[in-house]
Amino acid sequence: MLCSDNPTELQKAWNQLYLRCYPQIRSLILKKGGTLDEAHDLLQDALTALLVNLRENKFESRASVSTYLYGICFRLFCKRFHKLNKKLTAELEFWNDQILASDYDPERDIMWDRVATALMDKLGPECREVLVEFYFNNKSMRELQARYDVNSEQAMKNKKMRCLKYLRDLIDLSDLNPEIKKK
């Protein structure tokens, strides 16, 4: 009946397929986080695709028509979901960039660089080097152990932690900027 040129027969076949397949498609789409409107639209699109494939002799009946429609709806829903996900990701990246750009304050960055430099200058040269090598140059404990001729990685971790504690104590005692104690 779907191949019929008679509009009445075609509409009847369309309605029968729709009524037979809609509960299954609705269940699929709702389980995947879609809406009733999306289920309706996807089934309409799937029925249209079936009709086009039947008329162009591209339909291969390896499965039932309802299974065929289910597969089309599933693929269409996934396609829409991925497009929406890409769009949302692009929008989030855009707004994240906007937020980062609006929060940028070069004067504040210069001030914090000066404060950090002043505090690091108060550390001994070896502590300063250990912290810079570990946190900024991403050196491993094993590399630091070899460089500073320490007996074990644990001993190197302890040395780094002592240097970090000393830096924190300097921050707590610092009167360079009252904002530093807020952070």
N, C-alpha and C. Protein backbone atom coordinates (compact mmCIF):
# COMPACT_ATOMS: atom_id res chain seq x y z
N MET A 1 0.80 -1.20 0.00
CA MET A 1 0.00 0.00 0.00
C MET A 1 0.85 1.27 0.00
N LEU A 2 2.03 1.21 0.61
CA LEU A 2 2.89 2.40 0.62
C LEU A 2 3.42 2.73 -0.78
N CYS A 3 3.40 1.76 -1.66
CA CYS A 3 3.88 2.00 -3.03
C CYS A 3 2.75 2.47 -3.94
N SER A 4 1.58 2.54 -3.39
CA SER A 4 0.41 2.91 -4.19
C SER A 4 0.47 4.39 -4.61
N ASP A 5 -0.09 4.66 -5.77
CA ASP A 5 -0.21 6.04 -6.23
C ASP A 5 -1.53 6.66 -5.77
N ASN A 6 -2.37 5.85 -5.18
CA ASN A 6 -3.66 6.32 -4.67
C ASN A 6 -3.42 7.02 -3.32
N PRO A 7 -3.69 8.33 -3.24
CA PRO A 7 -3.43 9.07 -2.01
C PRO A 7 -4.19 8.53 -0.79
N THR A 8 -5.38 8.01 -0.99
CA THR A 8 -6.17 7.49 0.13
C THR A 8 -5.52 6.23 0.70
N GLU A 9 -5.11 5.34 -0.18
CA GLU A 9 -4.44 4.11 0.26
C GLU A 9 -3.11 4.43 0.93
N LEU A 10 -2.39 5.36 0.35
CA LEU A 10 -1.11 5.77 0.91
C LEU A 10 -1.29 6.35 2.31
N GLN A 11 -2.28 7.20 2.51
CA GLN A 11 -2.55 7.81 3.82
C GLN A 11 -2.96 6.74 4.83
N LYS A 12 -3.75 5.78 4.38
CA LYS A 12 -4.20 4.70 5.27
C LYS A 12 -3.00 3.86 5.72
N ALA A 13 -2.14 3.50 4.79
CA ALA A 13 -0.94 2.71 5.11
C ALA A 13 -0.01 3.50 6.04
N TRP A 14 0.16 4.77 5.75
CA TRP A 14 0.99 5.66 6.57
C TRP A 14 0.46 5.68 8.01
N ASN A 15 -0.84 5.88 8.16
CA ASN A 15 -1.44 5.96 9.50
C ASN A 15 -1.31 4.64 10.26
N GLN A 16 -1.51 3.51 9.57
CA GLN A 16 -1.38 2.21 10.21
C GLN A 16 0.05 1.99 10.72
N LEU A 17 1.02 2.30 9.88
CA LEU A 17 2.43 2.15 10.29
C LEU A 17 2.76 3.09 11.45
N TYR A 18 2.27 4.29 11.35
CA TYR A 18 2.52 5.27 12.40
C TYR A 18 1.98 4.76 13.74
N LEU A 19 0.71 4.33 13.74
CA LEU A 19 0.08 3.86 14.98
C LEU A 19 0.75 2.59 15.52
N ARG A 20 1.20 1.73 14.63
CA ARG A 20 1.86 0.49 15.06
C ARG A 20 3.26 0.75 15.63
N CYS A 21 3.99 1.71 15.05
CA CYS A 21 5.39 1.93 15.43
C CYS A 21 5.59 3.02 16.48
N TYR A 22 4.63 3.93 16.60
CA TYR A 22 4.83 5.08 17.49
C TYR A 22 5.14 4.70 18.94
N PRO A 23 4.43 3.75 19.55
CA PRO A 23 4.76 3.43 20.95
C PRO A 23 6.22 3.00 21.15
N GLN A 24 6.73 2.20 20.24
CA GLN A 24 8.11 1.73 20.32
C GLN A 24 9.10 2.90 20.13
N ILE A 25 8.83 3.76 19.17
CA ILE A 25 9.69 4.91 18.89
C ILE A 25 9.63 5.90 20.05
N ARG A 26 8.41 6.14 20.56
CA ARG A 26 8.25 7.05 21.70
C ARG A 26 9.07 6.56 22.88
N SER A 27 8.99 5.26 23.16
CA SER A 27 9.75 4.68 24.26
C SER A 27 11.25 4.87 24.06
N LEU A 28 11.73 4.59 22.86
CA LEU A 28 13.15 4.76 22.54
C LEU A 28 13.61 6.19 22.78
N ILE A 29 12.89 7.14 22.23
CA ILE A 29 13.31 8.55 22.30
C ILE A 29 13.23 9.07 23.73
N LEU A 30 12.20 8.70 24.45
CA LEU A 30 12.09 9.15 25.85
C LEU A 30 13.19 8.55 26.72
N LYS A 31 13.53 7.28 26.48
CA LYS A 31 14.62 6.64 27.23
C LYS A 31 15.96 7.32 26.95
N LYS A 32 16.12 7.84 25.75
CA LYS A 32 17.37 8.50 25.37
C LYS A 32 17.39 9.98 25.73
N GLY A 33 16.35 10.46 26.40
CA GLY A 33 16.33 11.85 26.84
C GLY A 33 15.63 12.80 25.88
N GLY A 34 14.94 12.25 24.89
CA GLY A 34 14.23 13.09 23.94
C GLY A 34 12.84 13.45 24.43
N THR A 35 12.08 14.12 23.58
CA THR A 35 10.73 14.56 23.93
C THR A 35 9.71 13.85 23.05
N LEU A 36 8.44 14.00 23.41
CA LEU A 36 7.37 13.42 22.60
C LEU A 36 7.33 14.05 21.21
N ASP A 37 7.59 15.35 21.15
CA ASP A 37 7.63 16.03 19.85
C ASP A 37 8.74 15.46 18.97
N GLU A 38 9.91 15.20 19.58
CA GLU A 38 11.00 14.62 18.81
C GLU A 38 10.64 13.22 18.31
N ALA A 39 9.96 12.44 19.16
CA ALA A 39 9.55 11.10 18.75
C ALA A 39 8.60 11.19 17.55
N HIS A 40 7.66 12.11 17.63
CA HIS A 40 6.71 12.30 16.52
C HIS A 40 7.45 12.71 15.25
N ASP A 41 8.33 13.71 15.36
CA ASP A 41 9.07 14.20 14.19
C ASP A 41 9.97 13.12 13.59
N LEU A 42 10.65 12.37 14.46
CA LEU A 42 11.56 11.34 13.96
C LEU A 42 10.80 10.22 13.25
N LEU A 43 9.66 9.84 13.77
CA LEU A 43 8.88 8.80 13.09
C LEU A 43 8.37 9.32 11.75
N GLN A 44 7.96 10.57 11.71
CA GLN A 44 7.53 11.15 10.43
C GLN A 44 8.69 11.12 9.43
N ASP A 45 9.89 11.51 9.89
CA ASP A 45 11.07 11.49 9.01
C ASP A 45 11.40 10.08 8.56
N ALA A 46 11.29 9.12 9.48
CA ALA A 46 11.59 7.73 9.14
C ALA A 46 10.59 7.18 8.13
N LEU A 47 9.32 7.50 8.32
CA LEU A 47 8.29 7.07 7.36
C LEU A 47 8.53 7.67 5.98
N THR A 48 8.95 8.93 5.97
CA THR A 48 9.27 9.59 4.69
C THR A 48 10.45 8.89 4.02
N ALA A 49 11.45 8.57 4.80
CA ALA A 49 12.62 7.87 4.24
C ALA A 49 12.22 6.50 3.70
N LEU A 50 11.37 5.80 4.44
CA LEU A 50 10.89 4.51 3.97
C LEU A 50 10.14 4.65 2.65
N LEU A 51 9.28 5.64 2.57
CA LEU A 51 8.49 5.87 1.35
C LEU A 51 9.42 6.17 0.16
N VAL A 52 10.40 7.03 0.37
CA VAL A 52 11.35 7.37 -0.69
C VAL A 52 12.12 6.12 -1.12
N ASN A 53 12.59 5.34 -0.15
CA ASN A 53 13.35 4.13 -0.48
C ASN A 53 12.50 3.10 -1.20
N LEU A 54 11.23 3.00 -0.83
CA LEU A 54 10.33 2.07 -1.53
C LEU A 54 10.12 2.51 -2.98
N ARG A 55 9.90 3.79 -3.17
CA ARG A 55 9.64 4.30 -4.53
C ARG A 55 10.87 4.22 -5.42
N GLU A 56 12.06 4.32 -4.82
CA GLU A 56 13.30 4.26 -5.61
C GLU A 56 13.89 2.85 -5.63
N ASN A 57 13.12 1.89 -5.15
CA ASN A 57 13.56 0.49 -5.09
C ASN A 57 14.87 0.30 -4.33
N LYS A 58 15.05 1.06 -3.27
CA LYS A 58 16.26 0.95 -2.45
C LYS A 58 15.99 0.22 -1.13
N PHE A 59 14.75 -0.10 -0.89
CA PHE A 59 14.40 -0.78 0.36
C PHE A 59 14.69 -2.26 0.23
N GLU A 60 15.49 -2.77 1.17
CA GLU A 60 15.79 -4.20 1.22
C GLU A 60 15.17 -4.74 2.49
N SER A 61 14.30 -5.71 2.36
CA SER A 61 13.55 -6.21 3.52
C SER A 61 14.33 -7.29 4.26
N ARG A 62 15.39 -6.92 4.94
CA ARG A 62 16.16 -7.86 5.76
C ARG A 62 15.50 -8.04 7.12
N ALA A 63 14.70 -7.05 7.50
CA ALA A 63 14.00 -7.09 8.78
C ALA A 63 12.58 -6.58 8.56
N SER A 64 11.81 -6.56 9.63
CA SER A 64 10.45 -6.05 9.50
C SER A 64 10.49 -4.54 9.26
N VAL A 65 9.39 -4.03 8.76
CA VAL A 65 9.29 -2.59 8.49
C VAL A 65 9.42 -1.81 9.80
N SER A 66 8.83 -2.32 10.89
CA SER A 66 8.92 -1.61 12.17
C SER A 66 10.37 -1.57 12.67
N THR A 67 11.12 -2.64 12.48
CA THR A 67 12.54 -2.66 12.86
C THR A 67 13.33 -1.67 12.01
N TYR A 68 13.01 -1.62 10.73
CA TYR A 68 13.65 -0.68 9.81
C TYR A 68 13.41 0.76 10.27
N LEU A 69 12.14 1.07 10.60
CA LEU A 69 11.80 2.42 11.07
C LEU A 69 12.48 2.73 12.40
N TYR A 70 12.54 1.75 13.29
CA TYR A 70 13.20 1.91 14.58
C TYR A 70 14.67 2.29 14.37
N GLY A 71 15.33 1.57 13.46
CA GLY A 71 16.75 1.85 13.17
C GLY A 71 16.94 3.25 12.61
N ILE A 72 16.07 3.67 11.71
CA ILE A 72 16.18 5.02 11.14
C ILE A 72 15.98 6.06 12.23
N CYS A 73 14.95 5.87 13.08
CA CYS A 73 14.69 6.84 14.16
C CYS A 73 15.87 6.92 15.11
N PHE A 74 16.43 5.77 15.45
CA PHE A 74 17.57 5.75 16.36
C PHE A 74 18.75 6.52 15.76
N ARG A 75 19.06 6.26 14.49
CA ARG A 75 20.18 6.97 13.84
C ARG A 75 19.92 8.46 13.72
N LEU A 76 18.69 8.82 13.37
CA LEU A 76 18.36 10.25 13.25
C LEU A 76 18.46 10.95 14.61
N PHE A 77 17.99 10.27 15.66
CA PHE A 77 18.07 10.87 16.99
C PHE A 77 19.53 11.06 17.40
N CYS A 78 20.35 10.04 17.18
CA CYS A 78 21.77 10.15 17.51
C CYS A 78 22.43 11.28 16.74
N LYS A 79 22.07 11.40 15.48
CA LYS A 79 22.63 12.47 14.64
C LYS A 79 22.25 13.84 15.19
N ARG A 80 20.98 14.01 15.54
CA ARG A 80 20.52 15.29 16.12
C ARG A 80 21.20 15.56 17.45
N PHE A 81 21.34 14.51 18.26
CA PHE A 81 21.97 14.66 19.56
C PHE A 81 23.42 15.12 19.41
N HIS A 82 24.14 14.50 18.48
CA HIS A 82 25.54 14.88 18.27
C HIS A 82 25.66 16.30 17.74
N LYS A 83 24.76 16.70 16.85
CA LYS A 83 24.78 18.08 16.35
C LYS A 83 24.52 19.06 17.49
N LEU A 84 23.53 18.75 18.32
CA LEU A 84 23.21 19.61 19.45
C LEU A 84 24.37 19.66 20.42
N ASN A 85 24.99 18.52 20.66
CA ASN A 85 26.12 18.46 21.58
C ASN A 85 27.28 19.31 21.06
N LYS A 86 27.56 19.23 19.75
CA LYS A 86 28.63 20.04 19.16
C LYS A 86 28.31 21.52 19.29
N LYS A 87 27.04 21.88 19.04
CA LYS A 87 26.63 23.27 19.13
C LYS A 87 26.77 23.78 20.56
N LEU A 88 26.33 22.98 21.52
CA LEU A 88 26.44 23.38 22.92
C LEU A 88 27.89 23.52 23.35
N THR A 89 28.73 22.59 22.90
CA THR A 89 30.15 22.65 23.22
C THR A 89 30.77 23.93 22.66
N ALA A 90 30.43 24.26 21.42
CA ALA A 90 30.96 25.48 20.80
C ALA A 90 30.48 26.72 21.56
N GLU A 91 29.20 26.72 21.96
CA GLU A 91 28.68 27.86 22.72
C GLU A 91 29.37 27.99 24.08
N LEU A 92 29.57 26.86 24.76
CA LEU A 92 30.25 26.90 26.06
C LEU A 92 31.68 27.41 25.91
N GLU A 93 32.37 26.96 24.87
CA GLU A 93 33.74 27.44 24.64
C GLU A 93 33.74 28.94 24.36
N PHE A 94 32.77 29.40 23.58
CA PHE A 94 32.68 30.83 23.28
C PHE A 94 32.50 31.62 24.57
N TRP A 95 31.51 31.20 25.40
CA TRP A 95 31.25 31.96 26.64
C TRP A 95 32.40 31.84 27.62
N ASN A 96 33.05 30.70 27.66
CA ASN A 96 34.21 30.55 28.52
C ASN A 96 35.32 31.52 28.10
N ASP A 97 35.54 31.63 26.79
CA ASP A 97 36.53 32.58 26.29
C ASP A 97 36.15 34.01 26.64
N GLN A 98 34.85 34.33 26.54
CA GLN A 98 34.38 35.67 26.88
C GLN A 98 34.62 35.98 28.36
N ILE A 99 34.32 35.00 29.20
CA ILE A 99 34.50 35.19 30.64
C ILE A 99 35.97 35.37 30.97
N LEU A 100 36.80 34.52 30.37
CA LEU A 100 38.24 34.64 30.63
C LEU A 100 38.78 35.99 30.16
N ALA A 101 38.30 36.42 29.00
CA ALA A 101 38.77 37.70 28.46
C ALA A 101 38.31 38.86 29.35
N SER A 102 37.10 38.78 29.89
CA SER A 102 36.61 39.89 30.70
C SER A 102 37.24 39.90 32.09
N ASP A 103 37.70 38.74 32.57
CA ASP A 103 38.33 38.68 33.89
C ASP A 103 39.80 39.08 33.86
N TYR A 104 40.37 39.17 32.71
CA TYR A 104 41.79 39.46 32.62
C TYR A 104 42.07 40.90 33.04
N ASP A 105 42.95 41.03 34.00
CA ASP A 105 43.35 42.34 34.49
C ASP A 105 44.87 42.38 34.52
N PRO A 106 45.50 43.03 33.52
CA PRO A 106 46.96 43.01 33.45
C PRO A 106 47.63 43.63 34.67
N GLU A 107 47.02 44.65 35.24
CA GLU A 107 47.62 45.28 36.43
C GLU A 107 47.64 44.30 37.60
N ARG A 108 46.56 43.56 37.76
CA ARG A 108 46.50 42.57 38.85
C ARG A 108 47.56 41.49 38.61
N ASP A 109 47.72 41.05 37.35
CA ASP A 109 48.72 40.04 37.04
C ASP A 109 50.13 40.54 37.35
N ILE A 110 50.41 41.78 37.00
CA ILE A 110 51.73 42.36 37.28
C ILE A 110 51.97 42.41 38.79
N MET A 111 50.92 42.83 39.54
CA MET A 111 51.05 42.91 40.99
C MET A 111 51.34 41.52 41.58
N TRP A 112 50.58 40.49 41.13
CA TRP A 112 50.79 39.15 41.67
C TRP A 112 52.16 38.60 41.26
N ASP A 113 52.63 38.94 40.07
CA ASP A 113 53.98 38.53 39.67
C ASP A 113 55.02 39.13 40.60
N ARG A 114 54.84 40.40 40.94
CA ARG A 114 55.79 41.07 41.86
C ARG A 114 55.76 40.45 43.25
N VAL A 115 54.54 40.16 43.73
CA VAL A 115 54.40 39.55 45.05
C VAL A 115 55.06 38.17 45.05
N ALA A 116 54.77 37.37 44.03
CA ALA A 116 55.34 36.02 43.95
C ALA A 116 56.85 36.08 43.84
N THR A 117 57.37 37.00 43.04
CA THR A 117 58.82 37.14 42.90
C THR A 117 59.46 37.55 44.22
N ALA A 118 58.84 38.50 44.91
CA ALA A 118 59.38 38.95 46.19
C ALA A 118 59.41 37.80 47.20
N LEU A 119 58.36 37.01 47.24
CA LEU A 119 58.32 35.89 48.18
C LEU A 119 59.32 34.81 47.78
N MET A 120 59.42 34.51 46.51
CA MET A 120 60.39 33.51 46.06
C MET A 120 61.81 33.96 46.33
N ASP A 121 62.06 35.29 46.23
CA ASP A 121 63.40 35.82 46.53
C ASP A 121 63.77 35.63 47.99
N LYS A 122 62.77 35.56 48.87
CA LYS A 122 63.04 35.37 50.30
C LYS A 122 63.38 33.91 50.61
N LEU A 123 63.03 33.00 49.70
CA LEU A 123 63.41 31.60 49.89
C LEU A 123 64.90 31.45 49.63
N GLY A 124 65.48 30.43 50.18
CA GLY A 124 66.87 30.13 49.85
C GLY A 124 66.96 29.67 48.41
N PRO A 125 68.13 29.78 47.79
CA PRO A 125 68.26 29.43 46.38
C PRO A 125 67.89 27.97 46.09
N GLU A 126 68.25 27.05 46.98
CA GLU A 126 67.94 25.65 46.71
C GLU A 126 66.43 25.39 46.79
N CYS A 127 65.75 25.96 47.79
CA CYS A 127 64.30 25.79 47.90
C CYS A 127 63.60 26.40 46.70
N ARG A 128 64.04 27.57 46.29
CA ARG A 128 63.44 28.24 45.14
C ARG A 128 63.59 27.34 43.91
N GLU A 129 64.80 26.80 43.70
CA GLU A 129 65.04 25.93 42.54
C GLU A 129 64.19 24.66 42.59
N VAL A 130 64.06 24.06 43.76
CA VAL A 130 63.27 22.84 43.90
C VAL A 130 61.81 23.12 43.50
N LEU A 131 61.25 24.20 44.05
CA LEU A 131 59.85 24.52 43.76
C LEU A 131 59.65 24.89 42.28
N VAL A 132 60.55 25.67 41.73
CA VAL A 132 60.44 26.05 40.32
C VAL A 132 60.57 24.82 39.42
N GLU A 133 61.56 23.97 39.71
CA GLU A 133 61.75 22.77 38.89
C GLU A 133 60.54 21.84 38.97
N PHE A 134 59.96 21.67 40.16
CA PHE A 134 58.84 20.75 40.31
C PHE A 134 57.55 21.34 39.74
N TYR A 135 57.21 22.56 40.14
CA TYR A 135 55.90 23.11 39.76
C TYR A 135 55.86 23.78 38.40
N PHE A 136 56.95 24.35 37.95
CA PHE A 136 56.92 25.08 36.68
C PHE A 136 57.59 24.31 35.54
N ASN A 137 58.62 23.55 35.87
CA ASN A 137 59.32 22.80 34.83
C ASN A 137 58.93 21.33 34.80
N ASN A 138 57.96 20.96 35.64
CA ASN A 138 57.39 19.60 35.67
C ASN A 138 58.42 18.50 35.82
N LYS A 139 59.43 18.74 36.63
CA LYS A 139 60.43 17.70 36.90
C LYS A 139 59.86 16.69 37.89
N SER A 140 60.20 15.43 37.71
CA SER A 140 59.72 14.37 38.60
C SER A 140 60.59 14.34 39.86
N MET A 141 60.08 13.64 40.87
CA MET A 141 60.84 13.50 42.11
C MET A 141 62.16 12.77 41.84
N ARG A 142 62.11 11.80 40.94
CA ARG A 142 63.33 11.05 40.62
C ARG A 142 64.38 11.97 39.99
N GLU A 143 63.95 12.87 39.08
CA GLU A 143 64.89 13.82 38.45
C GLU A 143 65.46 14.77 39.50
N LEU A 144 64.59 15.24 40.40
CA LEU A 144 65.06 16.15 41.45
C LEU A 144 65.99 15.43 42.41
N GLN A 145 65.70 14.18 42.72
CA GLN A 145 66.55 13.38 43.61
C GLN A 145 67.96 13.29 43.04
N ALA A 146 68.06 13.03 41.75
CA ALA A 146 69.37 12.91 41.11
C ALA A 146 70.09 14.26 41.09
N ARG A 147 69.35 15.32 40.80
CA ARG A 147 69.96 16.65 40.68
C ARG A 147 70.50 17.15 42.02
N TYR A 148 69.74 16.91 43.10
CA TYR A 148 70.13 17.44 44.42
C TYR A 148 70.81 16.39 45.29
N ASP A 149 71.15 15.25 44.69
CA ASP A 149 71.89 14.19 45.36
C ASP A 149 71.26 13.81 46.70
N VAL A 150 69.96 13.48 46.62
CA VAL A 150 69.22 13.07 47.81
C VAL A 150 69.10 11.54 47.74
N ASN A 151 69.09 10.88 48.91
CA ASN A 151 69.13 9.41 48.97
C ASN A 151 67.91 8.70 48.40
N SER A 152 66.71 9.27 48.55
CA SER A 152 65.51 8.57 48.08
C SER A 152 64.48 9.58 47.56
N GLU A 153 63.51 9.05 46.83
CA GLU A 153 62.42 9.92 46.36
C GLU A 153 61.64 10.48 47.53
N GLN A 154 61.43 9.66 48.56
CA GLN A 154 60.69 10.13 49.73
C GLN A 154 61.43 11.28 50.41
N ALA A 155 62.74 11.18 50.49
CA ALA A 155 63.53 12.27 51.09
C ALA A 155 63.39 13.53 50.24
N MET A 156 63.31 13.37 48.91
CA MET A 156 63.13 14.53 48.02
C MET A 156 61.75 15.13 48.22
N LYS A 157 60.71 14.28 48.37
CA LYS A 157 59.36 14.77 48.64
C LYS A 157 59.34 15.57 49.94
N ASN A 158 60.03 15.05 50.94
CA ASN A 158 60.09 15.76 52.23
C ASN A 158 60.76 17.12 52.08
N LYS A 159 61.84 17.16 51.30
CA LYS A 159 62.55 18.42 51.07
C LYS A 159 61.63 19.42 50.36
N LYS A 160 60.94 18.96 49.32
CA LYS A 160 60.02 19.83 48.59
C LYS A 160 58.91 20.33 49.51
N MET A 161 58.37 19.46 50.35
CA MET A 161 57.31 19.86 51.28
C MET A 161 57.81 20.88 52.30
N ARG A 162 59.06 20.73 52.77
CA ARG A 162 59.63 21.72 53.70
C ARG A 162 59.76 23.08 53.00
N CYS A 163 60.20 23.07 51.76
CA CYS A 163 60.32 24.32 51.00
C CYS A 163 58.95 24.95 50.79
N LEU A 164 57.95 24.14 50.48
CA LEU A 164 56.60 24.64 50.29
C LEU A 164 56.04 25.21 51.59
N LYS A 165 56.30 24.53 52.69
CA LYS A 165 55.84 25.03 53.98
C LYS A 165 56.52 26.37 54.31
N TYR A 166 57.79 26.46 54.00
CA TYR A 166 58.51 27.71 54.25
C TYR A 166 57.91 28.85 53.42
N LEU A 167 57.56 28.55 52.17
CA LEU A 167 56.92 29.56 51.31
C LEU A 167 55.56 29.96 51.87
N ARG A 168 54.79 28.99 52.33
CA ARG A 168 53.49 29.31 52.94
C ARG A 168 53.65 30.17 54.19
N ASP A 169 54.64 29.86 54.99
CA ASP A 169 54.90 30.67 56.19
C ASP A 169 55.24 32.11 55.79
N LEU A 170 56.02 32.25 54.71
CA LEU A 170 56.35 33.59 54.24
C LEU A 170 55.09 34.34 53.79
N ILE A 171 54.19 33.62 53.13
CA ILE A 171 52.93 34.23 52.68
C ILE A 171 52.12 34.69 53.89
N ASP A 172 52.04 33.83 54.90
CA ASP A 172 51.27 34.18 56.10
C ASP A 172 51.85 35.40 56.81
N LEU A 173 53.17 35.53 56.79
CA LEU A 173 53.82 36.65 57.47
C LEU A 173 53.95 37.90 56.60
N SER A 174 53.64 37.73 55.33
CA SER A 174 53.87 38.81 54.37
C SER A 174 52.93 39.99 54.61
N ASP A 175 53.51 41.17 54.46
CA ASP A 175 52.69 42.39 54.48
C ASP A 175 52.78 43.08 53.11
N LEU A 176 53.21 42.31 52.09
CA LEU A 176 53.35 42.87 50.76
C LEU A 176 52.02 43.30 50.17
N ASN A 177 50.99 42.54 50.45
CA ASN A 177 49.66 42.86 49.92
C ASN A 177 48.62 42.16 50.79
N PRO A 178 47.65 42.90 51.33
CA PRO A 178 46.65 42.27 52.18
C PRO A 178 45.79 41.25 51.44
N GLU A 179 45.65 41.37 50.12
CA GLU A 179 44.84 40.42 49.36
C GLU A 179 45.44 39.03 49.35
N ILE A 180 46.73 38.93 49.55
CA ILE A 180 47.39 37.65 49.48
C ILE A 180 46.89 36.69 50.56
N LYS A 181 46.46 37.23 51.70
CA LYS A 181 45.96 36.40 52.78
C LYS A 181 44.55 35.92 52.53
N LYS A 182 43.83 36.56 51.63
CA LYS A 182 42.47 36.14 51.29
C LYS A 182 42.47 34.86 50.48
N LYS A 183 43.50 34.62 49.71
CA LYS A 183 43.55 33.49 48.77
C LYS A 183 44.05 32.25 49.44
